Protein backbone atom coordinates (compact mmCIF):
# COMPACT_ATOMS: atom_id res chain seq x y z
CA UNK A 1 -9.80 7.08 -6.19
CA UNK A 2 -8.53 4.38 -7.29
CA UNK A 3 -9.31 3.17 -10.54
CA UNK A 4 -10.62 -0.81 -10.95
CA UNK A 5 -7.77 -1.49 -13.35
CA UNK A 6 -4.87 -1.04 -10.54
CA UNK A 7 -6.90 -3.02 -8.06
CA UNK A 8 -6.11 -6.39 -9.16
CA UNK A 9 -2.00 -4.97 -9.35
CA UNK A 10 -2.77 -4.15 -5.80
CA UNK A 11 -3.96 -7.19 -4.34
CA UNK A 12 -1.18 -8.50 -6.09
CA UNK A 13 1.22 -6.63 -4.18
CA UNK A 14 -0.45 -7.31 -1.02
CA UNK A 15 -0.72 -10.87 -1.80
CA UNK A 16 3.16 -10.72 -3.11
CA UNK A 17 3.91 -9.22 0.02
CA UNK A 18 2.15 -11.46 2.61
CA UNK A 19 3.51 -14.70 0.65
CA UNK A 20 7.12 -12.97 1.28
CA UNK A 21 6.11 -12.76 5.00
CA UNK A 22 4.82 -16.42 5.19
CA UNK A 23 8.39 -17.58 3.42
CA UNK A 24 10.38 -15.91 6.18
CA UNK A 25 8.55 -17.18 9.08
CA UNK A 26 8.40 -20.77 7.16
CA UNK A 27 12.51 -20.53 6.78
CA UNK A 28 12.83 -19.41 10.40
CA UNK A 29 10.43 -22.62 11.54
CA UNK A 30 12.93 -25.03 9.77
CA UNK A 31 15.79 -23.06 11.42
CA UNK A 32 14.25 -23.64 14.30
CA UNK A 33 13.27 -27.03 13.71
CA UNK A 34 17.24 -27.78 12.77
CA UNK A 35 18.28 -26.57 16.25
CA UNK A 36 15.82 -28.15 18.06
CA UNK A 37 16.84 -31.57 16.33
CA UNK A 38 20.54 -30.90 16.50
CA UNK A 39 20.05 -29.98 20.26
CA UNK A 40 18.07 -33.59 20.76
CA UNK A 41 20.94 -35.77 19.16
CA UNK A 42 23.75 -34.10 21.28
CA UNK A 43 21.23 -34.78 24.50
CA UNK A 44 21.40 -38.31 22.86
CA UNK A 45 24.30 -39.13 22.10
CA UNK A 46 26.56 -37.05 24.85
CA UNK A 47 23.96 -36.63 28.00
CA UNK A 48 22.03 -39.45 28.29
CA UNK A 49 18.55 -37.98 27.96
CA UNK A 50 15.92 -37.02 25.06
CA UNK A 51 13.95 -34.18 24.30
CA UNK A 52 10.53 -34.75 24.83
CA UNK A 53 8.58 -33.81 21.52
CA UNK A 54 11.09 -33.06 19.38
CA UNK A 55 9.79 -35.72 17.02
CA UNK A 56 6.27 -34.42 16.98
CA UNK A 57 6.68 -30.81 16.94
CA UNK A 58 9.08 -31.41 13.43
CA UNK A 59 5.72 -33.15 11.96
CA UNK A 60 3.64 -30.56 13.08
CA UNK A 61 6.41 -27.97 11.34
CA UNK A 62 6.65 -29.90 8.35
CA UNK A 63 3.01 -29.81 7.76
CA UNK A 64 2.98 -26.09 8.16
CA UNK A 65 5.56 -25.58 6.46
CA UNK A 66 4.55 -27.87 3.06
CA UNK A 67 1.63 -26.09 3.23
CA UNK A 68 2.95 -22.59 2.98
CA UNK A 69 5.18 -23.90 0.10
CA UNK A 70 1.56 -24.84 -2.30
CA UNK A 71 1.14 -20.78 -1.70
CA UNK A 72 4.86 -20.09 -2.15
CA UNK A 73 5.18 -21.61 -5.42
CA UNK A 74 2.07 -20.84 -6.73
CA UNK A 75 2.27 -16.71 -6.51
CA UNK A 76 6.21 -17.38 -7.90
CA UNK A 77 4.57 -19.22 -10.39
CA UNK A 78 6.92 -22.45 -9.46
CA UNK A 79 4.60 -25.22 -9.65
CA UNK A 80 5.69 -27.83 -12.28
CA UNK A 81 3.53 -27.81 -15.84
CA UNK A 82 3.94 -29.11 -18.90
CA UNK A 83 4.15 -26.66 -21.62
CA UNK A 84 4.67 -28.38 -24.80
CA UNK A 85 1.87 -28.09 -26.14
CA UNK A 86 0.73 -25.21 -25.36
CA UNK A 87 3.09 -22.63 -25.99
CA UNK A 88 2.54 -23.92 -29.55
CA UNK A 89 -0.77 -22.40 -29.34
CA UNK A 90 -1.89 -18.66 -30.09
CA UNK A 91 -1.41 -16.90 -27.15
CA UNK A 92 -4.99 -15.75 -26.48
CA UNK A 93 -5.24 -19.62 -26.26
CA UNK A 94 -2.62 -20.32 -23.73
CA UNK A 95 -4.32 -17.76 -21.46
CA UNK A 96 -7.82 -19.12 -21.36
CA UNK A 97 -5.69 -22.60 -20.85
CA UNK A 98 -3.81 -21.40 -17.66
CA UNK A 99 -6.74 -19.34 -16.24
CA UNK A 100 -8.84 -22.92 -16.34
CA UNK A 101 -5.32 -24.69 -14.93
CA UNK A 102 -5.37 -22.32 -12.30
CA UNK A 103 -9.37 -22.16 -11.73
CA UNK A 104 -8.92 -25.85 -11.50
CA UNK A 105 -6.38 -25.67 -8.75
CA UNK A 106 -8.42 -23.11 -7.03
CA UNK A 107 -10.66 -25.95 -6.60
CA UNK A 108 -8.69 -28.81 -5.66
CA UNK A 109 -7.35 -26.15 -3.08
CA UNK A 110 -11.04 -24.88 -2.04
CA UNK A 111 -11.35 -29.07 -1.50
CA UNK A 112 -8.37 -29.56 0.73
CA UNK A 113 -9.46 -26.65 2.57
CA UNK A 114 -13.14 -27.46 3.44
CA UNK A 115 -11.42 -31.14 4.60
CA UNK A 116 -8.76 -29.37 6.58
CA UNK A 117 -11.58 -27.00 8.53
CA UNK A 118 -13.80 -30.23 9.22
CA UNK A 119 -10.75 -32.21 10.82
CA UNK A 120 -10.29 -28.77 12.98
CA UNK A 121 -14.00 -28.69 13.67
CA UNK A 122 -13.93 -32.45 14.61
CA UNK A 123 -10.61 -32.02 17.22
CA UNK A 124 -12.25 -28.69 18.62
CA UNK A 125 -15.33 -30.72 19.62
CA UNK A 126 -13.61 -33.91 20.75
CA UNK A 127 -10.78 -31.49 22.71
CA UNK A 128 -8.17 -33.96 20.93
CA UNK A 129 -4.84 -33.81 22.45
CA UNK A 130 -1.68 -36.20 20.83
CA UNK A 131 -1.41 -39.09 22.54
CA UNK A 132 2.61 -38.05 23.35
CA UNK A 133 4.12 -36.91 26.36
CA UNK A 134 3.22 -32.64 25.01
CA UNK A 135 -0.18 -34.21 24.72
CA UNK A 136 -0.36 -30.95 22.22
CA UNK A 137 -3.85 -29.97 21.44
CA UNK A 138 -4.31 -31.24 18.15
CA UNK A 139 -6.40 -28.11 16.86
CA UNK A 140 -3.72 -26.13 17.02
CA UNK A 141 -1.01 -27.31 14.78
CA UNK A 142 -4.29 -28.26 13.04
CA UNK A 143 -5.62 -24.48 12.78
CA UNK A 144 -2.38 -23.50 11.36
CA UNK A 145 -2.33 -26.79 8.58
CA UNK A 146 -5.76 -25.94 7.58
CA UNK A 147 -5.29 -22.13 7.43
CA UNK A 148 -2.57 -22.50 4.91
CA UNK A 149 -4.77 -24.38 2.50
CA UNK A 150 -7.50 -21.47 3.34
CA UNK A 151 -4.77 -18.64 2.27
CA UNK A 152 -3.84 -21.34 -1.09
CA UNK A 153 -7.82 -21.63 -2.34
CA UNK A 154 -7.99 -17.81 -1.82
CA UNK A 155 -5.07 -16.79 -3.48
CA UNK A 156 -5.96 -19.38 -6.32
CA UNK A 157 -9.00 -17.70 -6.65
CA UNK A 158 -7.94 -13.95 -6.71
CA UNK A 159 -5.48 -15.38 -9.50
CA UNK A 160 -8.27 -16.70 -11.82
CA UNK A 161 -10.46 -13.90 -11.32
CA UNK A 162 -7.02 -11.43 -12.23
CA UNK A 163 -5.97 -13.24 -15.17
CA UNK A 164 -9.53 -13.79 -16.30
CA UNK A 165 -10.35 -10.17 -15.98
CA UNK A 166 -7.14 -9.63 -18.09
CA UNK A 167 -8.25 -11.66 -20.82
CA UNK A 168 -11.69 -10.51 -21.25
CA UNK A 169 -10.08 -7.25 -21.44
CA UNK A 170 -7.64 -7.83 -24.23
CA UNK A 171 -4.31 -8.44 -22.03
CA UNK A 172 -3.35 -12.13 -22.42
CA UNK A 173 0.06 -11.72 -22.60
CA UNK A 174 -0.75 -9.81 -19.03
CA UNK A 175 -2.49 -12.63 -17.82
CA UNK A 176 0.09 -15.11 -18.86
CA UNK A 177 2.86 -12.73 -17.31
CA UNK A 178 1.40 -12.84 -14.03
CA UNK A 179 -0.08 -16.34 -13.62
CA UNK A 180 1.09 -18.59 -16.06
CA UNK A 181 4.01 -20.84 -16.86
CA UNK A 182 6.94 -19.43 -16.46
CA UNK A 183 9.33 -19.24 -19.50
CA UNK A 184 13.15 -20.50 -19.70
CA UNK A 185 13.64 -17.27 -20.13
CA UNK A 186 11.71 -15.77 -17.37
CA UNK A 187 13.17 -18.54 -15.17
CA UNK A 188 16.94 -17.59 -16.14
CA UNK A 189 16.53 -14.14 -15.70
CA UNK A 190 14.86 -14.71 -12.25
CA UNK A 191 18.29 -16.30 -11.22
CA UNK A 192 20.30 -13.72 -12.85
CA UNK A 193 18.46 -11.20 -10.77
CA UNK A 194 18.80 -12.97 -7.43
CA UNK A 195 22.83 -13.55 -8.61
CA UNK A 196 23.31 -9.87 -8.56
CA UNK A 197 21.30 -9.06 -5.22
CA UNK A 198 23.62 -11.41 -3.47
CA UNK A 199 26.63 -10.21 -5.32
CA UNK A 200 25.36 -6.56 -4.29
CA UNK A 201 24.75 -7.99 -0.35
CA UNK A 202 28.31 -9.05 -0.46
CA UNK A 203 29.79 -6.17 -1.66
CA UNK A 204 27.89 -3.79 0.62
CA UNK A 205 28.95 -5.98 3.76
CA UNK A 206 32.18 -6.94 2.56
């Protein structure tokens, strides 16, 4: 049977795996959008016609990718935070301030998700379509956008609970390492690991 302290770690691993998958999907979405825009430019300049809806698809893609980016940044501790004063406090105080910040972030994400779901519900009830040549049912892109905000709120809630449990159990350092502000040393270590992985791939494929 899995012990209680292991459950948050397993949950975090699942969140990280899901975030990695979302990152890949968002990346491919941007790649496909770039290809579509390139084809649109060539078609306009050389062939004299336009692919209807390229700008519309671009707007939907950027809305979805940007909201997914919030999730990726949260899990990877990449959101910008001012830590000039926080780093001067005792570790326990740092942990609880980080928990407060994460909880506040989750609350705001919950509000965004609530309003996004309201927009989806309204579009569904009205059967709204985009006033464009594609006549896209607005509920489709809006549902993706809202789902990303719901996921963001859930991840923030999970992080708040996990960090609070660690802080209460006396593991303030663990709470900071998982959900706190990334230090300059940690950022440098992450970059070095990424560079080492890139070099290993080059050597393997070269």
